[in-house]
Amino acid sequence: MTSGSRIAIVGAGIAGLACAKVLGDEGFPVEVFDRTPDVGGVWSATRRYPGLRTQNSKFTYHFSDHPMPADYPRYPDGAQMQAYLEGYARKFGLSNRLRLGTEVVAADPVDSGWLLEVRDHTGVHRTSCDHLIIANGVFSDPVLPDYHGADWFRANGGRLCAASQFGDVESALGKHVVVVGYGKSACDIAEAVSHVAASTTVVARRLLWKMPRKLARGADYERLMLTRLGEAHFRYLNPGRFERFLHGAGRSFRDSNLDVIQEMSTKQMRLRELGLVPEGRFEDIAESTVSLTTEGFYEQVAMGRITVQRDTTITEMRPGPTGPAVQLANGQLVPADIVVCATGFHQRVPFLTPYVQRQLTDDNGNFRLHRQILPVGVPNLTFAGYNSSVISALNAEVAAHWTAALLRGRIALPPEQTLIDDIDRRLHWMEERTRGKHAHGTAITPFSIHNLDEMLGDLDFRLPFGTRTGQWFRTIRPSSYRGLGSHAKPEIGHAVPPEQVPPDVYSTPGPPPESHTN
């Protein structure tokens, strides 16, 4: 693509902003659409729930060329994260490229790119672009269970909402609150409301392993998740030499390390005394996300301010002795004025046509993307932020450079069938490793560094030896990747054999005749 090709980005969260900055630097005209009135994605003021805070520190969770403000606490809260992203947009001149309060309601492929229908406060309008980037967020469309009796519950004064829709802790004052789920957001909300609610009950279908931010000197969350040595404790699809040793002849060393972390976490959180030891091994902590311990949560459980109903679900919303209540599968009837569901998210792109959606996913709804970015068979389309990780800002930034290199012709892709085979293999591995809990192929946790390495390999960029070696024992620092755009290799141009240029990137095949029959 030439520098005059117009790029439309759907989503002004971390990934969308990174793409806007990088592609703008490459000379592309960029326009970013987001239905919310502010930037931030999951950090938007419209989605922030009580207790929202970053999982890792401000030293690892930022863009390479935009560190967190020095006066921020070690773990910024939701408002500070939104302000940080607003500052990023302002610093790099992205504000005039943003169309906030504007929702993309339809996107149709045409010969020259995409025709978009967008809706703002004045109505529905049409626009077009040469290339479409979907950065709508894999954790932005909450799942709200369809409980039996939900209509009765609402009609009788009960409130049923998703975690991202629960923004005011004071609304729980003197109320009976039930939080469904046991992930980070569920525990954050439960801890926050437990200080003001009449009662707080967590209903957990399955307990998850969690890890405190700090266990002991030299042993903490970031050293496990954000060093090469820590990441190597989890078996990767394409393991390196040391990883093969760690999961082979050296497995006892690896297992012992994880057992020690499990025991230290169990003791620090008092899980045995509270009856909250999860089933399975600690290594199960790394599925679609890694759950960090909410500060104060287990202390509130110990004090009786939070009750955890484990290994059960809500079967019905019905009247109780004193008002609305929820019936649990374990036989308990729990009073409930407010039910907050932290029950996961849909991963979907509803504004695309049914034909295009079928091209993007398999029968289970898993996204089929090379490098979590490029679909096979759908031209002029890439994804951003579909490599969700614990260092999403850096992974998104490097992915933006990968996309820019692709559009500039600086990446030589394998043949189409090789791409398809690699995608099939990766999805099969993810399915087995997480027992299906991989956010439909969009979560790369705990393999953030592997994802960076693979994209950088395609870009012919290698970290200095000392930096790469240090990452085995020291937490990754985004500043190590600063200046990636200045290392861009020359365009491939006609040097690429035709069989290595898949049609999904450079050609525009029309849909088959039956594509509009549904």
Protein backbone atom coordinates (compact mmCIF):
# COMPACT_ATOMS: atom_id res chain seq x y z
CA MET A 1 0.00 0.00 0.00
CA THR A 2 1.10 3.57 -0.63
CA SER A 3 1.25 6.31 1.95
CA GLY A 4 -1.96 7.75 0.51
CA SER A 5 -3.97 4.65 1.36
CA ARG A 6 -6.62 5.46 3.95
CA ILE A 7 -6.68 3.42 7.15
CA ALA A 8 -9.75 3.10 9.36
CA ILE A 9 -9.31 1.76 12.88
CA VAL A 10 -12.28 0.57 14.95
CA GLY A 11 -11.46 1.11 18.61
CA ALA A 12 -9.52 3.77 20.53
CA GLY A 13 -8.13 1.56 23.25
CA ILE A 14 -4.49 0.61 23.71
CA ALA A 15 -4.22 -1.32 20.44
CA GLY A 16 -6.14 1.19 18.35
CA LEU A 17 -4.06 4.11 19.59
CA ALA A 18 -0.80 2.21 18.98
CA CYS A 19 -1.85 1.49 15.39
CA ALA A 20 -2.90 5.10 14.82
CA LYS A 21 0.47 6.38 16.04
CA VAL A 22 2.66 3.87 14.17
CA LEU A 23 0.74 3.97 10.89
CA GLY A 24 0.51 7.75 11.05
CA ASP A 25 4.30 7.87 11.42
CA GLU A 26 4.48 5.72 8.27
CA GLY A 27 2.56 8.39 6.39
CA PHE A 28 -0.85 6.72 6.19
CA PRO A 29 -3.97 8.87 6.63
CA VAL A 30 -5.62 7.34 9.71
CA GLU A 31 -9.09 7.70 11.18
CA VAL A 32 -10.03 6.07 14.51
CA PHE A 33 -13.65 5.34 15.45
CA ASP A 34 -14.89 4.59 18.96
CA ARG A 35 -18.42 4.63 20.30
CA THR A 36 -17.35 5.92 23.72
CA PRO A 37 -16.73 9.63 24.39
CA ASP A 38 -13.13 9.08 25.49
CA VAL A 39 -10.07 7.01 24.59
CA GLY A 40 -9.03 4.02 26.66
CA GLY A 41 -11.02 0.95 25.66
CA VAL A 42 -11.36 -1.11 28.84
CA TRP A 43 -9.99 1.91 30.74
CA SER A 44 -12.71 4.25 29.45
CA ALA A 45 -14.68 6.08 32.13
CA THR A 46 -17.78 4.39 30.68
CA ARG A 47 -16.48 0.92 31.62
CA ARG A 48 -14.52 1.36 34.85
CA TYR A 49 -15.73 -0.68 37.78
CA PRO A 50 -14.84 -0.03 41.45
CA GLY A 51 -11.37 -1.27 42.37
CA LEU A 52 -10.07 -1.40 38.77
CA ARG A 53 -6.28 -1.21 38.75
CA THR A 54 -3.44 -2.49 36.57
CA GLN A 55 -2.21 -6.00 37.29
CA ASN A 56 1.46 -5.24 36.71
CA SER A 57 3.46 -2.15 37.56
CA LYS A 58 3.77 1.15 35.75
CA PHE A 59 7.33 0.13 34.85
CA THR A 60 6.16 -2.70 32.57
CA TYR A 61 2.67 -1.63 31.48
CA HIS A 62 3.31 1.24 29.06
CA PHE A 63 4.32 2.03 25.49
CA SER A 64 8.03 1.99 24.67
CA ASP A 65 8.13 5.71 23.86
CA HIS A 66 5.72 6.97 26.51
CA PRO A 67 6.54 6.01 30.12
CA MET A 68 4.03 6.39 32.91
CA PRO A 69 4.12 9.71 34.81
CA ALA A 70 6.64 9.68 37.65
CA ASP A 71 4.02 10.69 40.20
CA TYR A 72 1.79 7.68 39.42
CA PRO A 73 1.65 4.95 42.05
CA ARG A 74 3.34 1.67 41.26
CA TYR A 75 -0.04 0.21 40.21
CA PRO A 76 -2.16 2.89 38.49
CA ASP A 77 -5.91 2.84 38.87
CA GLY A 78 -8.45 2.97 36.06
CA ALA A 79 -8.72 6.76 35.96
CA GLN A 80 -4.93 7.15 35.84
CA MET A 81 -4.67 4.62 33.01
CA GLN A 82 -7.28 6.50 30.98
CA ALA A 83 -5.42 9.76 31.60
CA TYR A 84 -2.16 8.09 30.52
CA LEU A 85 -3.71 6.97 27.22
CA GLU A 86 -5.23 10.42 26.70
CA GLY A 87 -1.76 11.85 27.22
CA TYR A 88 -0.35 9.42 24.65
CA ALA A 89 -2.92 10.56 22.07
CA ARG A 90 -2.14 14.20 22.81
CA LYS A 91 1.65 13.77 22.78
CA PHE A 92 1.71 12.12 19.36
CA GLY A 93 -0.92 14.29 17.72
CA LEU A 94 -3.63 11.65 17.46
CA SER A 95 -6.49 13.81 18.70
CA ASN A 96 -7.43 15.12 15.25
CA ARG A 97 -7.63 11.54 13.96
CA LEU A 98 -10.15 10.43 16.58
CA ARG A 99 -13.88 10.11 15.91
CA LEU A 100 -15.09 9.57 19.45
CA GLY A 101 -18.75 8.99 20.16
CA THR A 102 -18.95 7.37 16.73
CA GLU A 103 -19.89 3.70 16.36
CA VAL A 104 -19.12 1.59 13.29
CA VAL A 105 -22.40 -0.24 12.71
CA ALA A 106 -21.54 -1.96 9.40
CA ALA A 107 -18.45 -2.70 7.33
CA ASP A 108 -18.78 -4.18 3.84
CA PRO A 109 -15.85 -5.26 1.67
CA VAL A 110 -15.67 -3.62 -1.77
CA ASP A 111 -13.13 -3.87 -4.57
CA SER A 112 -11.17 -0.85 -3.35
CA GLY A 113 -11.31 -1.63 0.38
CA TRP A 114 -14.22 -1.18 2.78
CA LEU A 115 -17.45 0.76 2.89
CA LEU A 116 -18.36 1.76 6.45
CA GLU A 117 -21.59 2.87 8.06
CA VAL A 118 -20.98 4.92 11.18
CA ARG A 119 -23.40 6.40 13.68
CA ASP A 120 -22.81 9.52 15.76
CA HIS A 121 -25.10 12.02 17.52
CA THR A 122 -26.23 13.43 14.17
CA GLY A 123 -27.27 10.10 12.62
CA VAL A 124 -25.88 7.39 10.34
CA HIS A 125 -23.28 8.28 7.72
CA ARG A 126 -21.15 6.46 5.16
CA THR A 127 -17.43 6.59 4.68
CA SER A 128 -14.77 4.35 3.16
CA CYS A 129 -11.20 3.21 3.62
CA ASP A 130 -8.57 1.22 1.78
CA HIS A 131 -7.64 -0.91 4.78
CA LEU A 132 -9.63 -1.72 7.92
CA ILE A 133 -8.06 -2.47 11.32
CA ILE A 134 -10.32 -4.04 13.94
CA ALA A 135 -9.25 -3.02 17.45
CA ASN A 136 -12.65 -3.34 19.11
CA GLY A 137 -11.25 -5.16 22.14
CA VAL A 138 -11.53 -8.79 23.16
CA PHE A 139 -12.67 -7.83 26.67
CA SER A 140 -15.19 -5.14 25.79
CA ASP A 141 -18.44 -7.03 25.06
CA PRO A 142 -19.54 -8.61 28.37
CA VAL A 143 -21.44 -11.87 28.67
CA LEU A 144 -24.57 -11.46 30.79
CA PRO A 145 -26.11 -14.83 31.77
CA ASP A 146 -29.80 -15.35 30.97
CA TYR A 147 -31.01 -16.32 34.43
CA HIS A 148 -34.44 -17.82 34.97
CA GLY A 149 -36.49 -15.20 36.77
CA ALA A 150 -34.37 -12.24 35.64
CA ASP A 151 -37.42 -10.28 34.44
CA TRP A 152 -39.15 -10.81 37.79
CA PHE A 153 -35.95 -9.78 39.59
CA ARG A 154 -35.71 -6.48 37.71
CA ALA A 155 -39.46 -5.78 38.03
CA ASN A 156 -39.14 -6.11 41.79
CA GLY A 157 -36.33 -3.63 42.18
CA GLY A 158 -33.32 -5.87 41.62
CA ARG A 159 -30.36 -4.74 39.54
CA LEU A 160 -28.62 -7.19 37.18
CA CYS A 161 -25.56 -5.92 35.33
CA ALA A 162 -22.12 -6.80 33.97
CA ALA A 163 -18.98 -5.81 35.88
CA SER A 164 -18.11 -3.12 33.34
CA GLN A 165 -21.59 -1.60 33.85
CA PHE A 166 -21.21 -1.33 37.63
CA GLY A 167 -19.47 1.99 38.17
CA ASP A 168 -20.59 3.33 41.53
CA VAL A 169 -19.71 1.58 44.76
CA GLU A 170 -22.04 3.87 46.72
CA SER A 171 -25.01 2.31 44.93
CA ALA A 172 -24.31 -0.81 47.03
CA LEU A 173 -24.66 1.03 50.34
CA GLY A 174 -26.80 -1.10 52.67
CA LYS A 175 -27.69 -3.52 49.86
CA HIS A 176 -27.26 -7.27 49.48
CA VAL A 177 -24.73 -7.73 46.65
CA VAL A 178 -24.00 -10.94 44.76
CA VAL A 179 -20.94 -11.02 42.49
CA VAL A 180 -20.81 -13.88 39.97
CA GLY A 181 -17.31 -14.99 38.98
CA TYR A 182 -13.91 -15.40 40.58
CA GLY A 183 -11.56 -13.58 38.22
CA LYS A 184 -9.77 -10.32 38.95
CA SER A 185 -12.74 -8.05 38.21
CA ALA A 186 -15.13 -10.15 40.34
CA CYS A 187 -12.83 -10.02 43.35
CA ASP A 188 -12.04 -6.32 42.83
CA ILE A 189 -15.74 -5.44 42.90
CA ALA A 190 -16.53 -7.75 45.82
CA GLU A 191 -13.74 -6.25 47.94
CA ALA A 192 -14.79 -2.68 47.08
CA VAL A 193 -18.50 -3.12 47.87
CA SER A 194 -17.93 -5.26 50.98
CA HIS A 195 -17.05 -2.12 52.93
CA VAL A 196 -20.49 -0.58 52.36
CA ALA A 197 -22.90 -3.40 51.47
CA ALA A 198 -25.19 -5.18 53.93
CA SER A 199 -23.77 -8.46 52.61
CA THR A 200 -21.43 -9.48 49.81
CA THR A 201 -21.54 -12.96 48.29
CA VAL A 202 -19.26 -14.27 45.56
CA VAL A 203 -20.71 -17.13 43.51
CA ALA A 204 -17.87 -19.03 41.84
CA ARG A 205 -18.52 -21.84 39.40
CA ARG A 206 -14.84 -22.72 39.64
CA LEU A 207 -12.09 -21.39 41.89
CA LEU A 208 -9.02 -20.11 40.06
CA TRP A 209 -5.46 -20.03 41.26
CA LYS A 210 -4.37 -16.50 42.06
CA MET A 211 -1.01 -15.00 42.83
CA PRO A 212 -0.14 -12.13 45.16
CA ARG A 213 1.84 -9.30 43.60
CA LYS A 214 4.75 -10.13 45.88
CA LEU A 215 5.52 -13.41 47.63
CA ALA A 216 9.05 -12.96 48.92
CA ARG A 217 12.29 -11.27 47.99
CA GLY A 218 13.05 -12.24 44.40
CA ALA A 219 9.72 -14.01 43.96
CA ASP A 220 6.82 -11.99 42.62
CA TYR A 221 4.17 -11.88 39.94
CA GLU A 222 6.25 -9.97 37.39
CA ARG A 223 9.28 -12.25 37.75
CA LEU A 224 7.08 -15.22 36.92
CA MET A 225 5.12 -13.65 34.07
CA LEU A 226 7.50 -11.05 32.63
CA THR A 227 10.90 -12.73 32.50
CA ARG A 228 12.06 -15.30 29.99
CA LEU A 229 12.86 -17.74 32.78
CA GLY A 230 9.41 -17.36 34.32
CA GLU A 231 7.63 -17.70 30.98
CA ALA A 232 9.68 -20.83 30.23
CA HIS A 233 7.94 -22.60 33.13
CA PHE A 234 4.85 -22.83 30.91
CA ARG A 235 5.16 -25.12 27.90
CA TYR A 236 5.09 -23.21 24.61
CA LEU A 237 4.04 -24.39 21.18
CA ASN A 238 7.53 -23.86 19.73
CA PRO A 239 9.86 -24.19 22.74
CA GLY A 240 13.47 -23.09 22.66
CA ARG A 241 16.43 -25.18 23.80
CA PHE A 242 16.23 -24.29 27.50
CA GLU A 243 12.44 -24.67 27.50
CA ARG A 244 12.76 -28.17 26.05
CA PHE A 245 15.15 -28.99 28.89
CA LEU A 246 12.82 -27.46 31.49
CA HIS A 247 9.92 -29.60 30.28
CA GLY A 248 12.08 -32.66 29.73
CA ALA A 249 15.15 -33.68 31.72
CA GLY A 250 14.82 -30.61 33.97
CA ARG A 251 11.10 -30.97 34.64
CA SER A 252 11.63 -31.69 38.34
CA PHE A 253 13.28 -28.27 38.73
CA ARG A 254 10.37 -26.59 36.96
CA ASP A 255 7.73 -28.50 38.95
CA SER A 256 9.47 -27.74 42.24
CA ASN A 257 9.53 -24.02 41.48
CA LEU A 258 5.80 -23.96 40.71
CA ASP A 259 5.03 -26.08 43.79
CA VAL A 260 6.91 -23.59 45.99
CA ILE A 261 4.99 -20.67 44.47
CA GLN A 262 1.72 -22.56 44.97
CA GLU A 263 2.48 -23.25 48.62
CA MET A 264 3.64 -19.68 49.30
CA SER A 265 0.50 -18.28 47.65
CA THR A 266 -1.73 -20.68 49.58
CA LYS A 267 -0.19 -19.64 52.90
CA GLN A 268 -0.13 -15.91 52.20
CA MET A 269 -3.82 -15.88 51.19
CA ARG A 270 -4.78 -18.37 53.96
CA LEU A 271 -6.62 -20.49 51.43
CA ARG A 272 -6.67 -23.65 53.58
CA GLU A 273 -8.16 -21.91 56.60
CA LEU A 274 -10.78 -20.22 54.38
CA GLY A 275 -11.61 -23.40 52.45
CA LEU A 276 -10.66 -21.75 49.16
CA VAL A 277 -7.87 -23.93 47.78
CA PRO A 278 -8.61 -24.40 44.05
CA GLU A 279 -8.51 -27.77 42.38
CA GLY A 280 -5.64 -28.59 40.03
CA ARG A 281 -2.08 -27.29 39.98
CA PHE A 282 -0.78 -23.75 40.16
CA GLU A 283 0.32 -23.84 36.52
CA ASP A 284 -3.40 -23.72 35.63
CA ILE A 285 -3.24 -20.02 36.58
CA ALA A 286 -2.22 -19.16 33.01
CA GLU A 287 -5.27 -19.63 30.80
CA SER A 288 -6.82 -16.70 28.92
CA THR A 289 -5.67 -14.36 31.70
CA VAL A 290 -3.57 -14.56 34.84
CA SER A 291 -5.53 -13.74 37.98
CA LEU A 292 -3.75 -11.54 40.47
CA THR A 293 -4.88 -11.43 44.08
CA THR A 294 -7.07 -8.45 44.94
CA GLU A 295 -5.58 -6.69 47.92
CA GLY A 296 -7.86 -7.01 50.93
CA PHE A 297 -10.15 -9.64 49.38
CA TYR A 298 -9.15 -12.60 51.53
CA GLU A 299 -8.94 -10.39 54.61
CA GLN A 300 -12.59 -9.43 54.03
CA VAL A 301 -13.47 -13.12 53.62
CA ALA A 302 -11.74 -13.91 56.91
CA MET A 303 -13.69 -11.13 58.66
CA GLY A 304 -16.99 -12.43 57.30
CA ARG A 305 -17.60 -9.37 55.12
CA ILE A 306 -17.39 -11.52 51.97
CA THR A 307 -18.87 -15.01 51.64
CA VAL A 308 -17.60 -17.22 48.82
CA GLN A 309 -20.00 -19.86 47.54
CA ARG A 310 -17.60 -22.11 45.65
CA ASP A 311 -18.24 -24.69 42.93
CA THR A 312 -21.81 -23.59 42.31
CA THR A 313 -23.97 -21.42 40.06
CA ILE A 314 -27.18 -19.39 40.14
CA THR A 315 -30.13 -21.48 38.98
CA GLU A 316 -32.93 -18.98 39.53
CA MET A 317 -33.81 -15.47 40.66
CA ARG A 318 -36.81 -15.60 43.02
CA PRO A 319 -38.41 -14.14 46.14
CA GLY A 320 -36.63 -14.65 49.43
CA PRO A 321 -37.72 -14.14 53.06
CA THR A 322 -36.78 -10.44 53.01
CA GLY A 323 -36.87 -9.56 49.30
CA PRO A 324 -35.27 -10.60 46.00
CA ALA A 325 -32.84 -13.52 46.21
CA VAL A 326 -30.88 -15.96 44.05
CA GLN A 327 -31.20 -19.71 44.30
CA LEU A 328 -27.89 -21.57 44.01
CA ALA A 329 -27.28 -25.04 42.65
CA ASN A 330 -25.88 -26.07 46.05
CA GLY A 331 -29.26 -25.40 47.68
CA GLN A 332 -28.42 -22.04 49.26
CA LEU A 333 -30.85 -19.11 48.92
CA VAL A 334 -28.90 -15.83 48.98
CA PRO A 335 -30.51 -12.38 49.40
CA ALA A 336 -29.70 -10.18 46.39
CA ASP A 337 -30.57 -6.56 45.65
CA ILE A 338 -27.72 -6.26 43.13
CA VAL A 339 -26.22 -9.05 41.02
CA VAL A 340 -22.98 -8.15 39.23
CA CYS A 341 -21.80 -10.63 36.59
CA ALA A 342 -18.06 -10.86 35.95
CA THR A 343 -18.65 -13.83 33.69
CA GLY A 344 -16.38 -13.17 30.73
CA PHE A 345 -16.70 -11.51 27.35
CA HIS A 346 -17.82 -12.22 23.82
CA GLN A 347 -15.07 -12.16 21.20
CA ARG A 348 -16.89 -11.09 18.04
CA VAL A 349 -17.13 -8.43 15.37
CA PRO A 350 -20.86 -7.81 14.94
CA PHE A 351 -20.54 -5.04 12.35
CA LEU A 352 -19.02 -7.36 9.72
CA THR A 353 -21.21 -9.23 7.26
CA PRO A 354 -22.05 -12.89 8.06
CA TYR A 355 -19.92 -14.03 5.12
CA VAL A 356 -16.84 -12.20 6.36
CA GLN A 357 -17.41 -13.41 9.93
CA ARG A 358 -17.46 -17.02 8.71
CA GLN A 359 -14.12 -16.43 6.97
CA LEU A 360 -12.53 -15.17 10.19
CA THR A 361 -13.44 -17.92 12.65
CA ASP A 362 -13.69 -21.69 12.89
CA ASP A 363 -16.79 -23.63 13.89
CA ASN A 364 -16.10 -22.90 17.57
CA GLY A 365 -15.84 -19.15 17.06
CA ASN A 366 -12.03 -19.11 17.38
CA PHE A 367 -10.34 -16.37 15.40
CA ARG A 368 -8.03 -17.70 12.69
CA LEU A 369 -5.27 -15.09 12.54
CA HIS A 370 -1.62 -15.33 11.57
CA ARG A 371 0.45 -13.74 14.35
CA GLN A 372 -2.91 -12.85 15.97
CA ILE A 373 -3.15 -10.11 13.31
CA LEU A 374 -3.74 -11.31 9.75
CA PRO A 375 -6.77 -13.31 8.55
CA VAL A 376 -6.33 -15.66 5.64
CA GLY A 377 -8.73 -15.06 2.76
CA VAL A 378 -10.08 -11.63 3.73
CA PRO A 379 -8.17 -8.85 1.95
CA ASN A 380 -7.47 -5.36 3.27
CA LEU A 381 -8.18 -6.38 6.87
CA THR A 382 -6.03 -6.83 9.97
CA PHE A 383 -6.68 -7.05 13.70
CA ALA A 384 -5.10 -5.22 16.63
CA GLY A 385 -5.23 -6.20 20.27
CA TYR A 386 -6.13 -9.80 19.51
CA ASN A 387 -2.84 -10.76 21.16
CA SER A 388 -4.09 -9.94 24.65
CA SER A 389 -1.36 -10.30 27.27
CA VAL A 390 -0.16 -9.01 30.63
CA ILE A 391 1.88 -6.37 28.78
CA SER A 392 -0.79 -5.47 26.26
CA ALA A 393 0.63 -2.01 25.50
CA LEU A 394 3.98 -3.37 24.32
CA ASN A 395 2.50 -6.36 22.47
CA ALA A 396 0.05 -4.01 20.73
CA GLU A 397 2.80 -1.56 19.81
CA VAL A 398 5.02 -4.21 18.24
CA ALA A 399 1.99 -5.65 16.45
CA ALA A 400 1.32 -2.17 15.01
CA HIS A 401 4.85 -2.12 13.60
CA TRP A 402 4.23 -5.60 12.15
CA THR A 403 1.05 -4.34 10.46
CA ALA A 404 2.84 -1.27 9.09
CA ALA A 405 5.59 -3.48 7.67
CA LEU A 406 2.99 -5.77 6.09
CA LEU A 407 1.20 -2.86 4.41
CA ARG A 408 4.51 -1.44 3.22
CA GLY A 409 5.56 -4.76 1.70
CA ARG A 410 8.42 -5.36 4.12
CA ILE A 411 7.26 -8.79 5.31
CA ALA A 412 7.57 -11.93 3.19
CA LEU A 413 4.70 -14.16 4.17
CA PRO A 414 4.77 -17.95 3.81
CA PRO A 415 2.47 -19.59 1.26
CA GLU A 416 -1.22 -19.47 2.13
CA GLN A 417 -1.47 -23.17 2.96
CA THR A 418 1.46 -22.84 5.36
CA LEU A 419 -0.36 -20.00 7.12
CA ILE A 420 -3.51 -22.11 7.39
CA ASP A 421 -1.60 -25.10 8.76
CA ASP A 422 0.22 -22.94 11.32
CA ILE A 423 -3.05 -21.39 12.50
CA ASP A 424 -4.69 -24.82 12.84
CA ARG A 425 -1.74 -26.10 14.83
CA ARG A 426 -1.72 -23.11 17.17
CA LEU A 427 -5.46 -23.26 17.86
CA HIS A 428 -5.26 -27.00 18.55
CA TRP A 429 -2.42 -26.39 21.01
CA MET A 430 -4.30 -23.55 22.73
CA GLU A 431 -7.40 -25.73 23.04
CA GLU A 432 -5.45 -28.54 24.70
CA ARG A 433 -3.35 -26.29 26.95
CA THR A 434 -6.25 -24.23 28.36
CA ARG A 435 -9.11 -26.75 28.00
CA GLY A 436 -10.86 -24.27 25.73
CA LYS A 437 -10.34 -21.17 27.90
CA HIS A 438 -8.30 -19.03 25.52
CA ALA A 439 -10.77 -16.23 24.65
CA HIS A 440 -11.45 -17.77 21.24
CA GLY A 441 -7.81 -17.69 20.21
CA THR A 442 -7.20 -14.05 21.15
CA ALA A 443 -5.27 -14.48 24.43
CA ILE A 444 -1.54 -15.22 24.40
CA THR A 445 -1.02 -15.25 28.18
CA PRO A 446 1.47 -16.26 29.57
CA PHE A 447 3.53 -16.10 26.38
CA SER A 448 3.87 -12.34 25.98
CA ILE A 449 7.61 -12.44 25.27
CA HIS A 450 7.30 -15.28 22.77
CA ASN A 451 4.71 -13.24 20.88
CA LEU A 452 7.09 -10.27 20.78
CA ASP A 453 9.97 -12.46 19.57
CA GLU A 454 7.92 -13.95 16.73
CA MET A 455 6.80 -10.56 15.44
CA LEU A 456 10.29 -9.10 15.78
CA GLY A 457 11.70 -12.08 13.89
CA ASP A 458 9.41 -11.26 10.96
CA LEU A 459 10.69 -7.67 11.13
CA ASP A 460 14.36 -8.79 11.18
CA PHE A 461 14.79 -6.96 14.48
CA ARG A 462 16.80 -8.50 17.28
CA LEU A 463 17.38 -7.07 20.72
CA PRO A 464 20.98 -6.47 21.79
CA PHE A 465 22.52 -9.61 23.29
CA GLY A 466 22.88 -8.07 26.74
CA THR A 467 19.25 -6.91 26.81
CA ARG A 468 17.91 -10.26 25.68
CA THR A 469 20.10 -12.14 28.16
CA GLY A 470 19.05 -9.84 31.00
CA GLN A 471 15.39 -10.59 30.27
CA TRP A 472 15.93 -14.15 31.48
CA PHE A 473 16.22 -12.88 35.03
CA ARG A 474 14.97 -9.27 35.02
CA THR A 475 11.47 -8.16 34.13
CA ILE A 476 10.97 -6.95 30.60
CA ARG A 477 11.14 -3.18 30.07
CA PRO A 478 9.16 -1.62 27.19
CA SER A 479 11.86 1.02 26.69
CA SER A 480 14.12 -1.73 25.31
CA TYR A 481 11.90 -1.77 22.22
CA ARG A 482 11.93 1.97 21.62
CA GLY A 483 12.86 3.07 18.12
CA LEU A 484 11.60 -0.09 16.45
CA GLY A 485 10.21 1.95 13.54
CA SER A 486 13.65 3.37 12.73
CA HIS A 487 14.95 -0.17 12.17
CA ALA A 488 12.51 -0.88 9.32
CA LYS A 489 14.03 -2.98 6.58
CA PRO A 490 13.60 -2.04 2.89
CA GLU A 491 10.42 -2.92 1.07
CA ILE A 492 10.43 -6.36 -0.49
CA GLY A 493 8.82 -5.21 -3.69
CA HIS A 494 9.13 -7.59 -6.62
CA ALA A 495 11.82 -9.64 -4.90
CA VAL A 496 9.15 -11.78 -3.28
CA PRO A 497 8.26 -14.86 -5.32
CA PRO A 498 4.58 -14.75 -6.36
CA GLU A 499 3.80 -17.96 -4.52
CA GLN A 500 4.83 -16.28 -1.25
CA VAL A 501 2.31 -13.47 -1.61
CA PRO A 502 -1.01 -14.88 -0.40
CA PRO A 503 -4.15 -13.51 -2.04
CA ASP A 504 -5.60 -12.39 1.28
CA VAL A 505 -3.09 -9.52 1.39
CA TYR A 506 -2.72 -8.24 -2.14
CA SER A 507 -5.71 -9.42 -4.17
CA THR A 508 -9.40 -8.74 -3.73
CA PRO A 509 -11.44 -11.81 -4.62
CA GLY A 510 -15.18 -11.29 -4.51
CA PRO A 511 -17.45 -13.38 -2.30
CA PRO A 512 -18.97 -16.52 -3.75
CA PRO A 513 -22.48 -16.22 -5.21
CA GLU A 514 -24.09 -17.76 -2.11
CA SER A 515 -22.56 -15.23 0.30
CA HIS A 516 -25.73 -13.12 0.61
CA THR A 517 -28.29 -15.90 0.74
CA ASN A 518 -28.46 -16.07 4.55
